[in-house]
């Protein structure tokens, strides 16, 4: 279940407001200038909650369907911690400032109505325990993001690193193999 837009998702951390919060929420969409180019971005909740736009990143990093990712995030309501967000921070200031991390909306201009971002993907070098690594260019800004998936014995770790404009990182753990 997806809530309407929430402008400050950190206010959801108050347990007095709801006994079973929705972990997949809508967040504010902004047009941001990066290296002189307009890019449509969304605010990423700092911890615990997921923006609806983050699901695409996780599905790509795990090569899994969007519905499977949404279902696994929804299981947080039942106390199951299959997919967890560790944190999402900007690295251009103090670790927990008021400025949220923003990431570009990944969409296909030809298929999605209202899509303004042109997305290009190039493979990145796999090192160590990486099982997936790509660079994402947005609207001609080369290597805007790097998405990596690391495989460990009992879990996966996904890192989404923003490289253009300011630096930032969102880090997730996946505690099981995802199947439909």
Protein backbone atom coordinates (compact mmCIF):
# COMPACT_ATOMS: atom_id res chain seq x y z
CA UNK A 1 0.00 0.00 0.00
CA UNK A 2 1.40 3.39 -0.98
CA UNK A 3 0.65 6.61 0.91
CA UNK A 4 0.14 9.98 -0.67
CA UNK A 5 3.12 12.30 -0.92
CA UNK A 6 4.93 12.90 2.32
CA UNK A 7 7.23 15.89 2.37
CA UNK A 8 9.22 14.97 5.46
CA UNK A 9 9.37 11.17 5.80
CA UNK A 10 11.40 11.42 9.01
CA UNK A 11 8.22 12.46 10.83
CA UNK A 12 6.98 8.89 10.24
CA UNK A 13 9.52 7.59 12.75
CA UNK A 14 7.18 8.53 15.60
CA UNK A 15 5.65 5.20 16.67
CA UNK A 16 2.77 6.97 18.42
CA UNK A 17 1.24 7.92 15.07
CA UNK A 18 0.77 4.38 13.73
CA UNK A 19 1.32 0.88 15.00
CA UNK A 20 1.92 -0.51 11.49
CA UNK A 21 3.44 2.17 9.27
CA UNK A 22 3.72 1.86 5.50
CA UNK A 23 7.37 1.56 4.57
CA UNK A 24 6.91 2.39 0.87
CA UNK A 25 6.00 6.07 0.60
CA UNK A 26 5.81 8.82 -1.99
CA UNK A 27 8.37 11.60 -1.58
CA UNK A 28 8.79 15.06 -3.04
CA UNK A 29 9.94 15.36 -6.67
CA UNK A 30 12.21 18.31 -7.54
CA UNK A 31 13.85 19.68 -10.69
CA UNK A 32 17.53 20.12 -9.82
CA UNK A 33 20.37 21.71 -11.81
CA UNK A 34 23.43 19.46 -12.02
CA UNK A 35 26.42 20.62 -14.08
CA UNK A 36 24.10 23.07 -15.88
CA UNK A 37 21.56 20.39 -16.85
CA UNK A 38 18.01 20.04 -15.50
CA UNK A 39 17.43 16.67 -13.82
CA UNK A 40 14.20 15.47 -12.16
CA UNK A 41 15.10 14.00 -8.76
CA UNK A 42 13.30 12.67 -5.69
CA UNK A 43 14.12 13.00 -2.01
CA UNK A 44 15.37 9.78 -0.43
CA UNK A 45 14.24 9.10 3.16
CA UNK A 46 17.31 8.88 5.43
CA UNK A 47 16.60 5.48 6.98
CA UNK A 48 13.98 2.79 7.45
CA UNK A 49 11.48 4.06 4.81
CA UNK A 50 11.65 3.69 1.03
CA UNK A 51 10.52 6.12 -1.66
CA UNK A 52 8.42 4.60 -4.43
CA UNK A 53 11.15 5.70 -6.87
CA UNK A 54 13.80 3.67 -4.99
CA UNK A 55 12.12 0.40 -5.95
CA UNK A 56 13.46 0.72 -9.51
CA UNK A 57 17.02 1.04 -8.21
CA UNK A 58 16.66 -2.04 -6.01
CA UNK A 59 15.02 -4.08 -8.78
CA UNK A 60 17.87 -3.21 -11.16
CA UNK A 61 20.58 -3.99 -8.59
CA UNK A 62 19.03 -7.37 -7.77
CA UNK A 63 17.74 -8.14 -11.30
CA UNK A 64 14.33 -8.80 -9.77
CA UNK A 65 10.80 -7.70 -10.68
CA UNK A 66 9.38 -4.51 -9.14
CA UNK A 67 6.42 -6.33 -7.55
CA UNK A 68 8.74 -8.72 -5.71
CA UNK A 69 10.72 -5.80 -4.25
CA UNK A 70 7.52 -4.00 -3.18
CA UNK A 71 6.21 -7.16 -1.49
CA UNK A 72 9.47 -7.69 0.40
CA UNK A 73 9.52 -4.06 1.60
CA UNK A 74 5.91 -4.43 2.73
CA UNK A 75 6.98 -7.42 4.86
CA UNK A 76 8.72 -4.96 7.19
CA UNK A 77 5.24 -4.37 8.61
CA UNK A 78 5.23 -7.99 9.75
CA UNK A 79 8.63 -7.69 11.44
CA UNK A 80 10.48 -9.50 8.63
CA UNK A 81 13.67 -7.73 7.63
CA UNK A 82 14.31 -9.01 4.12
CA UNK A 83 15.22 -5.65 2.60
CA UNK A 84 16.50 -2.93 4.92
CA UNK A 85 17.75 0.56 4.26
CA UNK A 86 20.78 1.25 6.41
CA UNK A 87 21.04 4.94 5.54
CA UNK A 88 20.89 7.55 2.78
CA UNK A 89 23.14 10.57 3.35
CA UNK A 90 24.70 13.47 1.54
CA UNK A 91 28.47 13.52 1.80
CA UNK A 92 28.90 17.25 1.14
CA UNK A 93 28.04 18.21 4.74
CA UNK A 94 27.64 16.68 8.19
CA UNK A 95 26.35 13.09 8.09
CA UNK A 96 22.81 13.85 9.33
CA UNK A 97 22.05 17.39 8.13
CA UNK A 98 18.63 18.70 7.26
CA UNK A 99 19.40 18.43 3.53
CA UNK A 100 18.15 15.10 2.18
CA UNK A 101 19.92 13.00 -0.43
CA UNK A 102 18.30 13.30 -3.85
CA UNK A 103 18.54 10.74 -6.65
CA UNK A 104 17.35 11.03 -10.26
CA UNK A 105 14.10 9.37 -11.26
CA UNK A 106 14.89 6.41 -13.52
CA UNK A 107 12.32 6.13 -16.27
CA UNK A 108 12.01 5.45 -20.00
CA UNK A 109 11.14 8.53 -22.08
CA UNK A 110 9.50 6.43 -24.78
CA UNK A 111 7.25 4.43 -22.42
CA UNK A 112 6.63 6.61 -19.35
CA UNK A 113 4.39 9.67 -19.66
CA UNK A 114 5.95 12.72 -18.04
CA UNK A 115 9.49 11.32 -18.01
CA UNK A 116 12.07 14.08 -18.46
CA UNK A 117 15.26 12.19 -17.60
CA UNK A 118 17.19 10.49 -20.37
CA UNK A 119 18.94 7.49 -18.84
CA UNK A 120 22.00 5.72 -20.24
CA UNK A 121 23.73 2.79 -18.56
CA UNK A 122 27.30 1.55 -18.93
CA UNK A 123 28.84 -1.44 -17.17
CA UNK A 124 31.42 -0.87 -14.46
CA UNK A 125 34.32 -3.13 -13.54
CA UNK A 126 33.45 -5.91 -11.12
CA UNK A 127 35.92 -6.17 -8.23
CA UNK A 128 36.09 -8.44 -5.23
CA UNK A 129 32.67 -9.70 -4.20
CA UNK A 130 30.69 -7.45 -6.60
CA UNK A 131 28.04 -9.28 -8.61
CA UNK A 132 26.56 -6.18 -10.29
CA UNK A 133 28.04 -2.76 -11.06
CA UNK A 134 26.90 -0.05 -13.46
CA UNK A 135 27.34 3.67 -14.06
CA UNK A 136 24.19 5.63 -14.87
CA UNK A 137 24.33 8.81 -16.97
CA UNK A 138 21.36 11.20 -16.75
CA UNK A 139 20.52 13.83 -19.41
CA UNK A 140 24.07 13.80 -20.73
CA UNK A 141 25.75 14.08 -17.30
CA UNK A 142 28.17 11.15 -17.50
CA UNK A 143 28.51 8.84 -14.54
CA UNK A 144 25.85 10.58 -12.46
CA UNK A 145 25.45 7.44 -10.32
CA UNK A 146 27.13 4.17 -9.60
CA UNK A 147 25.03 1.20 -8.51
CA UNK A 148 26.77 -1.85 -7.06
CA UNK A 149 25.60 -5.11 -5.52
CA UNK A 150 27.98 -6.96 -3.23
CA UNK A 151 27.40 -10.61 -2.36
CA UNK A 152 28.37 -11.99 1.04
CA UNK A 153 27.79 -15.46 2.49
CA UNK A 154 24.44 -14.66 4.09
CA UNK A 155 23.27 -11.41 2.47
CA UNK A 156 23.62 -8.87 -0.33
CA UNK A 157 24.56 -5.22 0.06
CA UNK A 158 23.44 -2.59 -2.43
CA UNK A 159 25.18 0.78 -2.70
CA UNK A 160 23.81 3.66 -4.76
CA UNK A 161 26.48 6.33 -4.95
CA UNK A 162 25.70 9.77 -6.35
CA UNK A 163 28.79 11.13 -8.11
CA UNK A 164 27.53 14.26 -9.94
CA UNK A 165 26.80 17.60 -8.29
CA UNK A 166 27.39 16.67 -4.69
CA UNK A 167 28.32 13.20 -3.44
CA UNK A 168 25.98 10.97 -1.50
CA UNK A 169 25.27 7.32 -0.78
CA UNK A 170 22.28 5.12 -0.06
CA UNK A 171 23.08 1.69 1.40
CA UNK A 172 20.77 -1.33 1.72
CA UNK A 173 21.01 -4.94 2.88
CA UNK A 174 19.05 -7.85 1.46
CA UNK A 175 18.95 -10.81 3.82
CA UNK A 176 17.66 -13.49 1.44
CA UNK A 177 17.54 -14.53 -2.17
CA UNK A 178 14.51 -12.86 -3.73
CA UNK A 179 12.12 -15.11 -5.60
CA UNK A 180 8.53 -14.40 -6.75
